[in-house]
Amino acid sequence: MSTLFTKIIDGEIPARFVWSDERCVAFLSINPLGPGHTLVVPREEVDHWVDASPELMAHLTAVSHDVAAVVQALWSPPRVAFLIAGFEVPHLHLHVYPAWDMEAFDFRNAAKEVDGAEQDGIAERLRAALREAGHAEHVPA
């Protein structure tokens, strides 16, 4: 059975993609903990991160690092959060987002509703910054 993220990857459910390659995609969270909260998700359906191959985890981490660099450049937070929780959707996903304090790690603080136009603008800022950082081949149009 396909996961919610597989349906997003396959285009059955819309998302604001900022990265796409042969092994993974990255798109904005629908319940962000901060501006630019991005989920890095493997195309392969893996539930728990410990079940992913070391090679897949290395790739996901590298993509997360590239996304984190532009999150840092765009919002200048004191930290860029990198989190694997996995309780929300049974499909491995890495959270990357700006963090100004420890409250940024509490999912009870996630936005319940987001402004679509604002999220579109944030996604475009991330895509532009990723292109500028030399990742144009992985940035969806």
N, C-alpha and C. Protein backbone atom coordinates (compact mmCIF):
# COMPACT_ATOMS: atom_id res chain seq x y z
N MET A 1 0.83 -1.18 0.00
CA MET A 1 0.00 0.00 0.00
C MET A 1 0.88 1.25 0.00
N SER A 2 0.55 2.18 -0.87
CA SER A 2 1.33 3.41 -0.99
C SER A 2 1.15 4.29 0.24
N THR A 3 2.22 4.95 0.62
CA THR A 3 2.14 5.90 1.72
C THR A 3 1.69 7.25 1.18
N LEU A 4 1.35 8.15 2.09
CA LEU A 4 1.01 9.51 1.71
C LEU A 4 2.15 10.13 0.92
N PHE A 5 3.38 9.89 1.34
CA PHE A 5 4.52 10.48 0.65
C PHE A 5 4.72 9.87 -0.72
N THR A 6 4.44 8.59 -0.89
CA THR A 6 4.53 7.99 -2.22
C THR A 6 3.52 8.65 -3.15
N LYS A 7 2.33 8.93 -2.64
CA LYS A 7 1.31 9.61 -3.45
C LYS A 7 1.76 11.02 -3.82
N ILE A 8 2.46 11.69 -2.92
CA ILE A 8 3.01 13.01 -3.23
C ILE A 8 4.09 12.88 -4.29
N ILE A 9 5.01 11.95 -4.10
CA ILE A 9 6.10 11.74 -5.05
C ILE A 9 5.54 11.41 -6.44
N ASP A 10 4.48 10.61 -6.49
CA ASP A 10 3.89 10.20 -7.76
C ASP A 10 2.97 11.26 -8.37
N GLY A 11 2.79 12.40 -7.69
CA GLY A 11 1.98 13.48 -8.22
C GLY A 11 0.49 13.32 -7.98
N GLU A 12 0.09 12.35 -7.18
CA GLU A 12 -1.33 12.16 -6.88
C GLU A 12 -1.84 13.20 -5.88
N ILE A 13 -0.93 13.73 -5.07
CA ILE A 13 -1.25 14.76 -4.08
C ILE A 13 -0.26 15.90 -4.33
N PRO A 14 -0.74 17.14 -4.40
CA PRO A 14 0.18 18.24 -4.69
C PRO A 14 1.12 18.55 -3.53
N ALA A 15 2.28 19.07 -3.87
CA ALA A 15 3.27 19.49 -2.88
C ALA A 15 4.13 20.58 -3.49
N ARG A 16 4.83 21.28 -2.65
CA ARG A 16 5.74 22.34 -3.09
C ARG A 16 7.16 21.76 -3.08
N PHE A 17 7.55 21.17 -4.20
CA PHE A 17 8.85 20.52 -4.33
C PHE A 17 9.96 21.55 -4.49
N VAL A 18 11.09 21.28 -3.83
CA VAL A 18 12.27 22.12 -3.99
C VAL A 18 13.47 21.32 -4.49
N TRP A 19 13.36 19.98 -4.48
CA TRP A 19 14.45 19.09 -4.90
C TRP A 19 13.85 17.82 -5.47
N SER A 20 14.49 17.28 -6.50
CA SER A 20 14.08 15.99 -7.04
C SER A 20 15.28 15.36 -7.73
N ASP A 21 15.59 14.13 -7.34
CA ASP A 21 16.62 13.37 -8.03
C ASP A 21 16.18 11.91 -8.09
N GLU A 22 17.05 11.05 -8.54
CA GLU A 22 16.67 9.64 -8.75
C GLU A 22 16.41 8.89 -7.44
N ARG A 23 16.90 9.38 -6.30
CA ARG A 23 16.76 8.67 -5.04
C ARG A 23 15.80 9.32 -4.05
N CYS A 24 15.58 10.63 -4.20
CA CYS A 24 14.74 11.32 -3.22
C CYS A 24 14.13 12.59 -3.78
N VAL A 25 13.22 13.13 -3.00
CA VAL A 25 12.63 14.44 -3.28
C VAL A 25 12.65 15.24 -1.97
N ALA A 26 12.44 16.54 -2.11
CA ALA A 26 12.29 17.40 -0.93
C ALA A 26 11.17 18.38 -1.23
N PHE A 27 10.28 18.54 -0.25
CA PHE A 27 9.15 19.44 -0.41
C PHE A 27 8.81 20.07 0.93
N LEU A 28 8.07 21.18 0.88
CA LEU A 28 7.71 21.89 2.10
C LEU A 28 6.72 21.09 2.93
N SER A 29 6.90 21.18 4.24
CA SER A 29 5.97 20.58 5.18
C SER A 29 4.64 21.33 5.15
N ILE A 30 3.53 20.60 5.29
CA ILE A 30 2.23 21.27 5.36
C ILE A 30 1.94 21.79 6.76
N ASN A 31 2.75 21.38 7.74
CA ASN A 31 2.63 21.87 9.12
C ASN A 31 4.02 22.31 9.60
N PRO A 32 4.52 23.41 9.05
CA PRO A 32 5.90 23.79 9.32
C PRO A 32 6.17 24.25 10.75
N LEU A 33 7.38 23.96 11.19
CA LEU A 33 7.87 24.45 12.48
C LEU A 33 8.60 25.78 12.30
N GLY A 34 8.73 26.22 11.07
CA GLY A 34 9.38 27.48 10.75
C GLY A 34 9.37 27.67 9.25
N PRO A 35 9.73 28.87 8.79
CA PRO A 35 9.75 29.12 7.35
C PRO A 35 10.75 28.20 6.66
N GLY A 36 10.35 27.64 5.54
CA GLY A 36 11.25 26.78 4.79
C GLY A 36 11.36 25.37 5.32
N HIS A 37 10.49 24.98 6.26
CA HIS A 37 10.52 23.61 6.82
C HIS A 37 10.34 22.63 5.66
N THR A 38 11.39 21.89 5.39
CA THR A 38 11.45 20.99 4.24
C THR A 38 11.58 19.55 4.70
N LEU A 39 10.88 18.66 4.01
CA LEU A 39 10.99 17.23 4.25
C LEU A 39 11.79 16.61 3.11
N VAL A 40 12.83 15.87 3.46
CA VAL A 40 13.64 15.14 2.48
C VAL A 40 13.20 13.69 2.57
N VAL A 41 12.67 13.16 1.46
CA VAL A 41 11.98 11.87 1.47
C VAL A 41 12.53 10.96 0.39
N PRO A 42 12.92 9.74 0.74
CA PRO A 42 13.38 8.82 -0.32
C PRO A 42 12.21 8.38 -1.20
N ARG A 43 12.51 8.11 -2.45
CA ARG A 43 11.48 7.56 -3.34
C ARG A 43 11.12 6.15 -2.90
N GLU A 44 12.09 5.43 -2.40
CA GLU A 44 11.87 4.08 -1.90
C GLU A 44 11.04 4.14 -0.62
N GLU A 45 10.06 3.27 -0.51
CA GLU A 45 9.23 3.24 0.69
C GLU A 45 9.96 2.49 1.80
N VAL A 46 10.51 3.26 2.71
CA VAL A 46 11.18 2.74 3.89
C VAL A 46 10.49 3.38 5.08
N ASP A 47 10.06 2.58 6.04
CA ASP A 47 9.34 3.12 7.19
C ASP A 47 10.31 3.74 8.19
N HIS A 48 11.16 2.93 8.79
CA HIS A 48 12.05 3.36 9.87
C HIS A 48 13.44 3.61 9.31
N TRP A 49 14.07 4.69 9.75
CA TRP A 49 15.37 5.05 9.17
C TRP A 49 16.42 3.97 9.37
N VAL A 50 16.31 3.17 10.41
CA VAL A 50 17.31 2.12 10.62
C VAL A 50 17.18 1.00 9.58
N ASP A 51 16.06 0.96 8.85
CA ASP A 51 15.89 -0.03 7.80
C ASP A 51 16.42 0.44 6.45
N ALA A 52 16.79 1.70 6.35
CA ALA A 52 17.36 2.23 5.11
C ALA A 52 18.82 1.80 5.00
N SER A 53 19.27 1.63 3.79
CA SER A 53 20.67 1.29 3.59
C SER A 53 21.55 2.46 3.99
N PRO A 54 22.79 2.18 4.39
CA PRO A 54 23.70 3.27 4.71
C PRO A 54 23.90 4.22 3.51
N GLU A 55 23.88 3.67 2.31
CA GLU A 55 24.06 4.50 1.12
C GLU A 55 22.88 5.46 0.94
N LEU A 56 21.66 4.95 1.16
CA LEU A 56 20.49 5.83 1.05
C LEU A 56 20.54 6.90 2.14
N MET A 57 20.86 6.53 3.35
CA MET A 57 20.94 7.52 4.43
C MET A 57 22.01 8.58 4.13
N ALA A 58 23.12 8.15 3.55
CA ALA A 58 24.17 9.11 3.19
C ALA A 58 23.65 10.10 2.15
N HIS A 59 22.91 9.59 1.18
CA HIS A 59 22.36 10.48 0.14
C HIS A 59 21.34 11.44 0.74
N LEU A 60 20.43 10.94 1.56
CA LEU A 60 19.42 11.79 2.19
C LEU A 60 20.08 12.86 3.07
N THR A 61 21.12 12.47 3.77
CA THR A 61 21.83 13.42 4.62
C THR A 61 22.53 14.48 3.78
N ALA A 62 23.12 14.08 2.66
CA ALA A 62 23.79 15.04 1.78
C ALA A 62 22.79 16.05 1.21
N VAL A 63 21.63 15.56 0.77
CA VAL A 63 20.60 16.47 0.25
C VAL A 63 20.11 17.38 1.38
N SER A 64 19.89 16.82 2.57
CA SER A 64 19.47 17.63 3.71
C SER A 64 20.49 18.72 4.01
N HIS A 65 21.76 18.40 3.89
CA HIS A 65 22.82 19.36 4.12
C HIS A 65 22.74 20.51 3.10
N ASP A 66 22.49 20.18 1.83
CA ASP A 66 22.36 21.21 0.80
C ASP A 66 21.15 22.09 1.07
N VAL A 67 20.04 21.50 1.47
CA VAL A 67 18.85 22.27 1.81
C VAL A 67 19.12 23.13 3.04
N ALA A 68 19.78 22.57 4.03
CA ALA A 68 20.09 23.31 5.26
C ALA A 68 20.95 24.54 4.97
N ALA A 69 21.88 24.41 4.05
CA ALA A 69 22.75 25.54 3.71
C ALA A 69 21.93 26.72 3.18
N VAL A 70 20.92 26.45 2.35
CA VAL A 70 20.12 27.56 1.84
C VAL A 70 19.13 28.06 2.88
N VAL A 71 18.63 27.18 3.74
CA VAL A 71 17.77 27.63 4.84
C VAL A 71 18.57 28.60 5.73
N GLN A 72 19.81 28.24 6.03
CA GLN A 72 20.68 29.11 6.84
C GLN A 72 20.89 30.45 6.14
N ALA A 73 21.16 30.41 4.85
CA ALA A 73 21.42 31.65 4.11
C ALA A 73 20.18 32.54 4.02
N LEU A 74 19.01 31.93 3.86
CA LEU A 74 17.78 32.72 3.67
C LEU A 74 17.22 33.29 4.97
N TRP A 75 17.28 32.55 6.08
CA TRP A 75 16.62 32.99 7.30
C TRP A 75 17.57 33.30 8.45
N SER A 76 18.83 32.97 8.33
CA SER A 76 19.86 33.27 9.34
C SER A 76 19.49 32.86 10.76
N PRO A 77 18.95 31.67 10.96
CA PRO A 77 18.65 31.23 12.33
C PRO A 77 19.96 30.84 13.04
N PRO A 78 19.96 30.78 14.37
CA PRO A 78 21.17 30.35 15.07
C PRO A 78 21.50 28.87 14.79
N ARG A 79 20.48 28.07 14.46
CA ARG A 79 20.68 26.67 14.11
C ARG A 79 19.72 26.30 12.99
N VAL A 80 20.11 25.29 12.20
CA VAL A 80 19.18 24.67 11.27
C VAL A 80 18.92 23.28 11.82
N ALA A 81 17.65 23.02 12.12
CA ALA A 81 17.27 21.74 12.71
C ALA A 81 17.35 20.63 11.67
N PHE A 82 17.72 19.46 12.15
CA PHE A 82 17.79 18.24 11.33
C PHE A 82 17.21 17.15 12.22
N LEU A 83 16.07 16.62 11.83
CA LEU A 83 15.33 15.73 12.71
C LEU A 83 14.71 14.58 11.93
N ILE A 84 14.81 13.39 12.49
CA ILE A 84 14.09 12.24 11.97
C ILE A 84 13.15 11.79 13.07
N ALA A 85 11.86 11.96 12.84
CA ALA A 85 10.87 11.55 13.84
C ALA A 85 10.16 10.29 13.36
N GLY A 86 9.38 10.44 12.30
CA GLY A 86 8.80 9.27 11.68
C GLY A 86 7.48 8.77 12.22
N PHE A 87 6.88 9.48 13.16
CA PHE A 87 5.60 9.02 13.69
C PHE A 87 4.42 9.51 12.85
N GLU A 88 4.59 10.62 12.14
CA GLU A 88 3.48 11.22 11.42
C GLU A 88 3.07 10.41 10.19
N VAL A 89 4.04 9.94 9.42
CA VAL A 89 3.81 9.19 8.19
C VAL A 89 4.79 8.02 8.20
N PRO A 90 4.33 6.79 7.94
CA PRO A 90 5.22 5.64 7.97
C PRO A 90 6.09 5.52 6.71
N HIS A 91 6.79 6.59 6.40
CA HIS A 91 7.69 6.65 5.25
C HIS A 91 8.82 7.57 5.70
N LEU A 92 10.01 7.06 5.73
CA LEU A 92 11.18 7.81 6.19
C LEU A 92 11.18 9.23 5.63
N HIS A 93 11.41 10.20 6.50
CA HIS A 93 11.55 11.59 6.05
C HIS A 93 12.40 12.36 7.05
N LEU A 94 13.25 13.21 6.53
CA LEU A 94 14.15 14.03 7.32
C LEU A 94 13.63 15.46 7.31
N HIS A 95 13.46 16.03 8.49
CA HIS A 95 12.99 17.41 8.63
C HIS A 95 14.20 18.34 8.64
N VAL A 96 14.14 19.41 7.86
CA VAL A 96 15.18 20.43 7.83
C VAL A 96 14.47 21.78 7.91
N TYR A 97 14.81 22.58 8.93
CA TYR A 97 14.11 23.86 9.11
C TYR A 97 14.91 24.76 10.04
N PRO A 98 14.63 26.07 9.98
CA PRO A 98 15.34 27.00 10.87
C PRO A 98 14.87 26.83 12.31
N ALA A 99 15.80 26.94 13.24
CA ALA A 99 15.47 26.82 14.67
C ALA A 99 16.10 27.98 15.43
N TRP A 100 15.26 28.69 16.15
CA TRP A 100 15.74 29.81 16.96
C TRP A 100 15.89 29.43 18.42
N ASP A 101 15.28 28.32 18.84
CA ASP A 101 15.39 27.87 20.23
C ASP A 101 14.89 26.43 20.31
N MET A 102 14.91 25.85 21.50
CA MET A 102 14.51 24.46 21.68
C MET A 102 13.02 24.23 21.42
N GLU A 103 12.21 25.28 21.52
CA GLU A 103 10.78 25.12 21.22
C GLU A 103 10.55 24.74 19.76
N ALA A 104 11.54 24.99 18.92
CA ALA A 104 11.43 24.64 17.50
C ALA A 104 11.39 23.13 17.29
N PHE A 105 11.70 22.37 18.31
CA PHE A 105 11.72 20.90 18.18
C PHE A 105 10.43 20.26 18.72
N ASP A 106 9.49 21.08 19.12
CA ASP A 106 8.24 20.58 19.67
C ASP A 106 7.16 20.66 18.59
N PHE A 107 6.72 19.51 18.12
CA PHE A 107 5.74 19.49 17.03
C PHE A 107 4.39 20.08 17.43
N ARG A 108 4.17 20.28 18.71
CA ARG A 108 2.95 20.97 19.13
C ARG A 108 2.98 22.44 18.69
N ASN A 109 4.17 22.94 18.34
CA ASN A 109 4.32 24.31 17.88
C ASN A 109 4.24 24.44 16.36
N ALA A 110 3.99 23.34 15.67
CA ALA A 110 3.89 23.38 14.21
C ALA A 110 2.64 24.15 13.80
N ALA A 111 2.73 24.83 12.69
CA ALA A 111 1.59 25.58 12.17
C ALA A 111 0.45 24.62 11.83
N LYS A 112 -0.73 24.96 12.24
CA LYS A 112 -1.91 24.14 11.93
C LYS A 112 -2.45 24.51 10.55
N GLU A 113 -2.29 25.76 10.18
CA GLU A 113 -2.72 26.27 8.88
C GLU A 113 -1.60 27.13 8.33
N VAL A 114 -1.47 27.12 7.01
CA VAL A 114 -0.46 27.96 6.36
C VAL A 114 -1.11 28.74 5.23
N ASP A 115 -0.53 29.87 4.93
CA ASP A 115 -0.98 30.69 3.81
C ASP A 115 -0.35 30.13 2.54
N GLY A 116 -1.18 29.68 1.60
CA GLY A 116 -0.68 29.06 0.38
C GLY A 116 0.24 29.95 -0.43
N ALA A 117 -0.14 31.22 -0.57
CA ALA A 117 0.69 32.15 -1.34
C ALA A 117 2.04 32.36 -0.66
N GLU A 118 2.02 32.45 0.66
CA GLU A 118 3.28 32.61 1.40
C GLU A 118 4.16 31.37 1.21
N GLN A 119 3.56 30.18 1.30
CA GLN A 119 4.33 28.94 1.11
C GLN A 119 4.88 28.85 -0.31
N ASP A 120 4.11 29.30 -1.31
CA ASP A 120 4.60 29.32 -2.69
C ASP A 120 5.84 30.20 -2.79
N GLY A 121 5.79 31.36 -2.14
CA GLY A 121 6.94 32.26 -2.15
C GLY A 121 8.15 31.66 -1.46
N ILE A 122 7.92 31.00 -0.35
CA ILE A 122 9.02 30.34 0.37
C ILE A 122 9.63 29.25 -0.49
N ALA A 123 8.79 28.45 -1.13
CA ALA A 123 9.30 27.38 -2.00
C ALA A 123 10.15 27.96 -3.13
N GLU A 124 9.68 29.06 -3.72
CA GLU A 124 10.44 29.66 -4.81
C GLU A 124 11.77 30.24 -4.31
N ARG A 125 11.78 30.81 -3.12
CA ARG A 125 13.04 31.31 -2.55
C ARG A 125 14.03 30.16 -2.35
N LEU A 126 13.54 29.03 -1.83
CA LEU A 126 14.40 27.87 -1.65
C LEU A 126 14.92 27.36 -2.98
N ARG A 127 14.03 27.23 -3.97
CA ARG A 127 14.46 26.75 -5.30
C ARG A 127 15.52 27.68 -5.90
N ALA A 128 15.29 28.98 -5.82
CA ALA A 128 16.24 29.95 -6.38
C ALA A 128 17.59 29.84 -5.68
N ALA A 129 17.56 29.71 -4.36
CA ALA A 129 18.82 29.60 -3.60
C ALA A 129 19.54 28.29 -3.92
N LEU A 130 18.79 27.21 -4.09
CA LEU A 130 19.42 25.93 -4.46
C LEU A 130 20.03 26.01 -5.85
N ARG A 131 19.34 26.67 -6.78
CA ARG A 131 19.92 26.85 -8.13
C ARG A 131 21.20 27.65 -8.04
N GLU A 132 21.14 28.75 -7.28
CA GLU A 132 22.31 29.61 -7.13
C GLU A 132 23.48 28.89 -6.48
N ALA A 133 23.17 27.92 -5.62
CA ALA A 133 24.22 27.14 -4.94
C ALA A 133 24.77 26.03 -5.82
N GLY A 134 24.30 25.93 -7.06
CA GLY A 134 24.86 24.96 -8.00
C GLY A 134 24.09 23.65 -8.12
N HIS A 135 22.85 23.64 -7.68
CA HIS A 135 22.06 22.40 -7.69
C HIS A 135 20.90 22.47 -8.70
N ALA A 136 21.03 23.27 -9.73
CA ALA A 136 19.93 23.49 -10.68
C ALA A 136 19.39 22.19 -11.27
N GLU A 137 20.24 21.22 -11.48
CA GLU A 137 19.79 19.96 -12.10
C GLU A 137 18.83 19.19 -11.22
N HIS A 138 18.78 19.53 -9.93
CA HIS A 138 17.88 18.83 -8.99
C HIS A 138 16.69 19.69 -8.54
N VAL A 139 16.60 20.89 -9.08
CA VAL A 139 15.54 21.80 -8.65
C VAL A 139 14.40 21.77 -9.67
N PRO A 140 13.22 21.35 -9.26
CA PRO A 140 12.09 21.31 -10.18
C PRO A 140 11.72 22.72 -10.66
N ALA A 141 11.19 22.78 -11.85
CA ALA A 141 10.79 24.09 -12.43
C ALA A 141 9.60 24.65 -11.68
